[in-house]
Amino acid sequence: MLWPMIAIALGFLGLVVLAFFAVRVFVEVRRLGAQVAETSRKISVAANDLERAAADMSRTGREVL
């Protein structure tokens, strides 16, 4: 009777450890998603700035010619 009880306890302990790591992975995935969203927003802003600068430069080039 001792060995089945130890096996059940170890199985339960294993599930607790797996649940703990699942929560940690979930939290890190959410953090990574937030970082990706922020970086995407920054890239979009930089692309818009670059497009605006290129348009200004092309206008300036036409005025010189």
PDB file of N, CA and C in Angstrom:
ATOM      1  N   MET A   1       0.810  -1.195   0.000  1.00  0.00           N
ATOM      2  CA  MET A   1       0.000   0.000   0.000  1.00  0.00           C
ATOM      3  C   MET A   1       0.858   1.267   0.000  1.00  0.00           C
ATOM      4  N   LEU A   2       2.091   1.145   0.461  1.00  0.00           N
ATOM      5  CA  LEU A   2       2.966   2.309   0.529  1.00  0.00           C
ATOM      6  C   LEU A   2       3.375   2.781  -0.861  1.00  0.00           C
ATOM      7  N   TRP A   3       3.726   1.847  -1.744  1.00  0.00           N
ATOM      8  CA  TRP A   3       4.217   2.235  -3.068  1.00  0.00           C
ATOM      9  C   TRP A   3       3.154   2.927  -3.919  1.00  0.00           C
ATOM     10  N   PRO A   4       1.918   2.466  -3.941  1.00  0.00           N
ATOM     11  CA  PRO A   4       0.896   3.215  -4.698  1.00  0.00           C
ATOM     12  C   PRO A   4       0.669   4.630  -4.165  1.00  0.00           C
ATOM     13  N   MET A   5       0.757   4.806  -2.850  1.00  0.00           N
ATOM     14  CA  MET A   5       0.581   6.140  -2.281  1.00  0.00           C
ATOM     15  C   MET A   5       1.737   7.058  -2.678  1.00  0.00           C
ATOM     16  N   ILE A   6       2.945   6.504  -2.684  1.00  0.00           N
ATOM     17  CA  ILE A   6       4.108   7.297  -3.118  1.00  0.00           C
ATOM     18  C   ILE A   6       3.980   7.647  -4.594  1.00  0.00           C
ATOM     19  N   ALA A   7       3.522   6.707  -5.403  1.00  0.00           N
ATOM     20  CA  ALA A   7       3.350   6.964  -6.833  1.00  0.00           C
ATOM     21  C   ALA A   7       2.300   8.049  -7.065  1.00  0.00           C
ATOM     22  N   ILE A   8       1.215   8.001  -6.334  1.00  0.00           N
ATOM     23  CA  ILE A   8       0.171   9.027  -6.473  1.00  0.00           C
ATOM     24  C   ILE A   8       0.700  10.390  -6.033  1.00  0.00           C
ATOM     25  N   ALA A   9       1.434  10.425  -4.932  1.00  0.00           N
ATOM     26  CA  ALA A   9       1.996  11.685  -4.443  1.00  0.00           C
ATOM     27  C   ALA A   9       2.984  12.262  -5.458  1.00  0.00           C
ATOM     28  N   LEU A  10       3.847  11.418  -6.017  1.00  0.00           N
ATOM     29  CA  LEU A  10       4.807  11.895  -7.011  1.00  0.00           C
ATOM     30  C   LEU A  10       4.105  12.361  -8.290  1.00  0.00           C
ATOM     31  N   GLY A  11       3.048  11.657  -8.673  1.00  0.00           N
ATOM     32  CA  GLY A  11       2.270  12.087  -9.837  1.00  0.00           C
ATOM     33  C   GLY A  11       1.638  13.447  -9.612  1.00  0.00           C
ATOM     34  N   PHE A  12       1.073  13.653  -8.423  1.00  0.00           N
ATOM     35  CA  PHE A  12       0.487  14.945  -8.089  1.00  0.00           C
ATOM     36  C   PHE A  12       1.549  16.031  -8.060  1.00  0.00           C
ATOM     37  N   LEU A  13       2.691  15.732  -7.484  1.00  0.00           N
ATOM     38  CA  LEU A  13       3.795  16.689  -7.432  1.00  0.00           C
ATOM     39  C   LEU A  13       4.263  17.038  -8.843  1.00  0.00           C
ATOM     40  N   GLY A  14       4.329  16.049  -9.716  1.00  0.00           N
ATOM     41  CA  GLY A  14       4.707  16.303 -11.104  1.00  0.00           C
ATOM     42  C   GLY A  14       3.711  17.227 -11.805  1.00  0.00           C
ATOM     43  N   LEU A  15       2.419  17.046 -11.543  1.00  0.00           N
ATOM     44  CA  LEU A  15       1.410  17.925 -12.125  1.00  0.00           C
ATOM     45  C   LEU A  15       1.542  19.350 -11.600  1.00  0.00           C
ATOM     46  N   VAL A  16       1.876  19.481 -10.333  1.00  0.00           N
ATOM     47  CA  VAL A  16       2.065  20.817  -9.751  1.00  0.00           C
ATOM     48  C   VAL A  16       3.257  21.512 -10.415  1.00  0.00           C
ATOM     49  N   VAL A  17       4.333  20.796 -10.603  1.00  0.00           N
ATOM     50  CA  VAL A  17       5.518  21.370 -11.253  1.00  0.00           C
ATOM     51  C   VAL A  17       5.191  21.766 -12.687  1.00  0.00           C
ATOM     52  N   LEU A  18       4.486  20.909 -13.418  1.00  0.00           N
ATOM     53  CA  LEU A  18       4.099  21.242 -14.791  1.00  0.00           C
ATOM     54  C   LEU A  18       3.192  22.467 -14.837  1.00  0.00           C
ATOM     55  N   ALA A  19       2.264  22.579 -13.908  1.00  0.00           N
ATOM     56  CA  ALA A  19       1.368  23.735 -13.855  1.00  0.00           C
ATOM     57  C   ALA A  19       2.165  25.009 -13.571  1.00  0.00           C
ATOM     58  N   PHE A  20       3.124  24.915 -12.675  1.00  0.00           N
ATOM     59  CA  PHE A  20       3.962  26.082 -12.366  1.00  0.00           C
ATOM     60  C   PHE A  20       4.696  26.570 -13.606  1.00  0.00           C
ATOM     61  N   PHE A  21       5.320  25.649 -14.342  1.00  0.00           N
ATOM     62  CA  PHE A  21       6.051  26.047 -15.536  1.00  0.00           C
ATOM     63  C   PHE A  21       5.106  26.519 -16.650  1.00  0.00           C
ATOM     64  N   ALA A  22       3.912  25.975 -16.709  1.00  0.00           N
ATOM     65  CA  ALA A  22       2.938  26.438 -17.700  1.00  0.00           C
ATOM     66  C   ALA A  22       2.546  27.886 -17.423  1.00  0.00           C
ATOM     67  N   VAL A  23       2.383  28.232 -16.173  1.00  0.00           N
ATOM     68  CA  VAL A  23       2.053  29.619 -15.818  1.00  0.00           C
ATOM     69  C   VAL A  23       3.214  30.538 -16.168  1.00  0.00           C
ATOM     70  N   ARG A  24       4.421  30.100 -15.894  1.00  0.00           N
ATOM     71  CA  ARG A  24       5.595  30.929 -16.227  1.00  0.00           C
ATOM     72  C   ARG A  24       5.706  31.146 -17.730  1.00  0.00           C
ATOM     73  N   VAL A  25       5.470  30.103 -18.509  1.00  0.00           N
ATOM     74  CA  VAL A  25       5.520  30.230 -19.971  1.00  0.00           C
ATOM     75  C   VAL A  25       4.429  31.186 -20.445  1.00  0.00           C
ATOM     76  N   PHE A  26       3.232  31.073 -19.881  1.00  0.00           N
ATOM     77  CA  PHE A  26       2.133  31.951 -20.250  1.00  0.00           C
ATOM     78  C   PHE A  26       2.486  33.412 -19.990  1.00  0.00           C
ATOM     79  N   VAL A  27       3.059  33.694 -18.836  1.00  0.00           N
ATOM     80  CA  VAL A  27       3.435  35.072 -18.490  1.00  0.00           C
ATOM     81  C   VAL A  27       4.507  35.588 -19.447  1.00  0.00           C
ATOM     82  N   GLU A  28       5.498  34.772 -19.754  1.00  0.00           N
ATOM     83  CA  GLU A  28       6.569  35.210 -20.648  1.00  0.00           C
ATOM     84  C   GLU A  28       6.059  35.415 -22.080  1.00  0.00           C
ATOM     85  N   VAL A  29       5.125  34.589 -22.518  1.00  0.00           N
ATOM     86  CA  VAL A  29       4.556  34.759 -23.856  1.00  0.00           C
ATOM     87  C   VAL A  29       3.772  36.064 -23.929  1.00  0.00           C
ATOM     88  N   ARG A  30       3.031  36.386 -22.889  1.00  0.00           N
ATOM     89  CA  ARG A  30       2.305  37.667 -22.876  1.00  0.00           C
ATOM     90  C   ARG A  30       3.280  38.835 -22.898  1.00  0.00           C
ATOM     91  N   ARG A  31       4.367  38.738 -22.147  1.00  0.00           N
ATOM     92  CA  ARG A  31       5.368  39.807 -22.130  1.00  0.00           C
ATOM     93  C   ARG A  31       6.025  39.949 -23.502  1.00  0.00           C
ATOM     94  N   LEU A  32       6.351  38.825 -24.130  1.00  0.00           N
ATOM     95  CA  LEU A  32       6.933  38.863 -25.464  1.00  0.00           C
ATOM     96  C   LEU A  32       5.955  39.467 -26.464  1.00  0.00           C
ATOM     97  N   GLY A  33       4.686  39.123 -26.365  1.00  0.00           N
ATOM     98  CA  GLY A  33       3.677  39.696 -27.254  1.00  0.00           C
ATOM     99  C   GLY A  33       3.589  41.205 -27.109  1.00  0.00           C
ATOM    100  N   ALA A  34       3.671  41.691 -25.879  1.00  0.00           N
ATOM    101  CA  ALA A  34       3.639  43.140 -25.651  1.00  0.00           C
ATOM    102  C   ALA A  34       4.868  43.809 -26.247  1.00  0.00           C
ATOM    103  N   GLN A  35       6.031  43.177 -26.118  1.00  0.00           N
ATOM    104  CA  GLN A  35       7.249  43.739 -26.698  1.00  0.00           C
ATOM    105  C   GLN A  35       7.178  43.757 -28.220  1.00  0.00           C
ATOM    106  N   VAL A  36       6.629  42.713 -28.809  1.00  0.00           N
ATOM    107  CA  VAL A  36       6.494  42.657 -30.268  1.00  0.00           C
ATOM    108  C   VAL A  36       5.546  43.752 -30.741  1.00  0.00           C
ATOM    109  N   ALA A  37       4.453  43.961 -30.037  1.00  0.00           N
ATOM    110  CA  ALA A  37       3.505  45.006 -30.408  1.00  0.00           C
ATOM    111  C   ALA A  37       4.147  46.389 -30.313  1.00  0.00           C
ATOM    112  N   GLU A  38       4.887  46.629 -29.251  1.00  0.00           N
ATOM    113  CA  GLU A  38       5.561  47.924 -29.084  1.00  0.00           C
ATOM    114  C   GLU A  38       6.610  48.137 -30.174  1.00  0.00           C
ATOM    115  N   THR A  39       7.385  47.111 -30.469  1.00  0.00           N
ATOM    116  CA  THR A  39       8.400  47.220 -31.511  1.00  0.00           C
ATOM    117  C   THR A  39       7.754  47.442 -32.871  1.00  0.00           C
ATOM    118  N   SER A  40       6.665  46.780 -33.133  1.00  0.00           N
ATOM    119  CA  SER A  40       5.936  46.967 -34.389  1.00  0.00           C
ATOM    120  C   SER A  40       5.450  48.405 -34.513  1.00  0.00           C
ATOM    121  N   ARG A  41       4.955  48.960 -33.415  1.00  0.00           N
ATOM    122  CA  ARG A  41       4.507  50.352 -33.438  1.00  0.00           C
ATOM    123  C   ARG A  41       5.671  51.293 -33.713  1.00  0.00           C
ATOM    124  N   LYS A  42       6.812  51.046 -33.082  1.00  0.00           N
ATOM    125  CA  LYS A  42       7.987  51.892 -33.313  1.00  0.00           C
ATOM    126  C   LYS A  42       8.469  51.796 -34.756  1.00  0.00           C
ATOM    127  N   ILE A  43       8.450  50.600 -35.325  1.00  0.00           N
ATOM    128  CA  ILE A  43       8.860  50.425 -36.720  1.00  0.00           C
ATOM    129  C   ILE A  43       7.912  51.171 -37.647  1.00  0.00           C
ATOM    130  N   SER A  44       6.635  51.129 -37.352  1.00  0.00           N
ATOM    131  CA  SER A  44       5.646  51.839 -38.168  1.00  0.00           C
ATOM    132  C   SER A  44       5.888  53.344 -38.122  1.00  0.00           C
ATOM    133  N   VAL A  45       6.152  53.862 -36.934  1.00  0.00           N
ATOM    134  CA  VAL A  45       6.438  55.299 -36.799  1.00  0.00           C
ATOM    135  C   VAL A  45       7.710  55.655 -37.565  1.00  0.00           C
ATOM    136  N   ALA A  46       8.746  54.833 -37.447  1.00  0.00           N
ATOM    137  CA  ALA A  46      10.000  55.102 -38.151  1.00  0.00           C
ATOM    138  C   ALA A  46       9.803  55.033 -39.661  1.00  0.00           C
ATOM    139  N   ALA A  47       8.989  54.109 -40.147  1.00  0.00           N
ATOM    140  CA  ALA A  47       8.727  54.000 -41.577  1.00  0.00           C
ATOM    141  C   ALA A  47       7.985  55.233 -42.077  1.00  0.00           C
ATOM    142  N   ASN A  48       7.040  55.711 -41.287  1.00  0.00           N
ATOM    143  CA  ASN A  48       6.324  56.936 -41.672  1.00  0.00           C
ATOM    144  C   ASN A  48       7.265  58.132 -41.698  1.00  0.00           C
ATOM    145  N   ASP A  49       8.148  58.243 -40.713  1.00  0.00           N
ATOM    146  CA  ASP A  49       9.129  59.334 -40.695  1.00  0.00           C
ATOM    147  C   ASP A  49      10.047  59.260 -41.909  1.00  0.00           C
ATOM    148  N   LEU A  50      10.483  58.056 -42.247  1.00  0.00           N
ATOM    149  CA  LEU A  50      11.361  57.880 -43.398  1.00  0.00           C
ATOM    150  C   LEU A  50      10.638  58.247 -44.696  1.00  0.00           C
ATOM    151  N   GLU A  51       9.384  57.860 -44.813  1.00  0.00           N
ATOM    152  CA  GLU A  51       8.609  58.193 -46.005  1.00  0.00           C
ATOM    153  C   GLU A  51       8.434  59.708 -46.127  1.00  0.00           C
ATOM    154  N   ARG A  52       8.155  60.360 -45.007  1.00  0.00           N
ATOM    155  CA  ARG A  52       8.009  61.818 -45.011  1.00  0.00           C
ATOM    156  C   ARG A  52       9.330  62.485 -45.401  1.00  0.00           C
ATOM    157  N   ALA A  53      10.435  61.996 -44.865  1.00  0.00           N
ATOM    158  CA  ALA A  53      11.742  62.575 -45.181  1.00  0.00           C
ATOM    159  C   ALA A  53      12.083  62.361 -46.653  1.00  0.00           C
ATOM    160  N   ALA A  54      11.749  61.195 -47.195  1.00  0.00           N
ATOM    161  CA  ALA A  54      12.028  60.937 -48.609  1.00  0.00           C
ATOM    162  C   ALA A  54      11.193  61.847 -49.499  1.00  0.00           C
ATOM    163  N   ALA A  55       9.950  62.093 -49.117  1.00  0.00           N
ATOM    164  CA  ALA A  55       9.105  62.999 -49.905  1.00  0.00           C
ATOM    165  C   ALA A  55       9.662  64.412 -49.857  1.00  0.00           C
ATOM    166  N   ASP A  56      10.087  64.858 -48.694  1.00  0.00           N
ATOM    167  CA  ASP A  56      10.687  66.193 -48.576  1.00  0.00           C
ATOM    168  C   ASP A  56      11.963  66.291 -49.410  1.00  0.00           C
ATOM    169  N   MET A  57      12.758  65.241 -49.384  1.00  0.00           N
ATOM    170  CA  MET A  57      14.008  65.247 -50.136  1.00  0.00           C
ATOM    171  C   MET A  57      13.738  65.286 -51.637  1.00  0.00           C
ATOM    172  N   SER A  58      12.745  64.551 -52.092  1.00  0.00           N
ATOM    173  CA  SER A  58      12.449  64.549 -53.526  1.00  0.00           C
ATOM    174  C   SER A  58      11.909  65.907 -53.958  1.00  0.00           C
ATOM    175  N   ARG A  59      11.121  66.550 -53.106  1.00  0.00           N
ATOM    176  CA  ARG A  59      10.642  67.901 -53.414  1.00  0.00           C
ATOM    177  C   ARG A  59      11.806  68.880 -53.481  1.00  0.00           C
ATOM    178  N   THR A  60      12.728  68.763 -52.559  1.00  0.00           N
ATOM    179  CA  THR A  60      13.896  69.641 -52.541  1.00  0.00           C
ATOM    180  C   THR A  60      14.744  69.415 -53.792  1.00  0.00           C
ATOM    181  N   GLY A  61      14.878  68.172 -54.191  1.00  0.00           N
ATOM    182  CA  GLY A  61      15.661  67.863 -55.396  1.00  0.00           C
ATOM    183  C   GLY A  61      15.027  68.448 -56.640  1.00  0.00           C
ATOM    184  N   ARG A  62      13.709  68.419 -56.734  1.00  0.00           N
ATOM    185  CA  ARG A  62      13.031  68.994 -57.892  1.00  0.00           C
ATOM    186  C   ARG A  62      13.176  70.508 -57.916  1.00  0.00           C
ATOM    187  N   GLU A  63      13.162  71.131 -56.733  1.00  0.00           N
ATOM    188  CA  GLU A  63      13.297  72.588 -56.663  1.00  0.00           C
ATOM    189  C   GLU A  63      14.693  73.027 -57.094  1.00  0.00           C
ATOM    190  N   VAL A  64      15.697  72.235 -56.817  1.00  0.00           N
ATOM    191  CA  VAL A  64      17.076  72.588 -57.177  1.00  0.00           C
ATOM    192  C   VAL A  64      17.243  72.525 -58.681  1.00  0.00           C
ATOM    193  N   LEU A  65      16.645  71.509 -59.297  1.00  0.00           N
ATOM    194  CA  LEU A  65      16.775  71.363 -60.747  1.00  0.00           C
ATOM    195  C   LEU A  65      15.913  72.387 -61.389  1.00  0.00           C
TER     196      LEU A  65
END
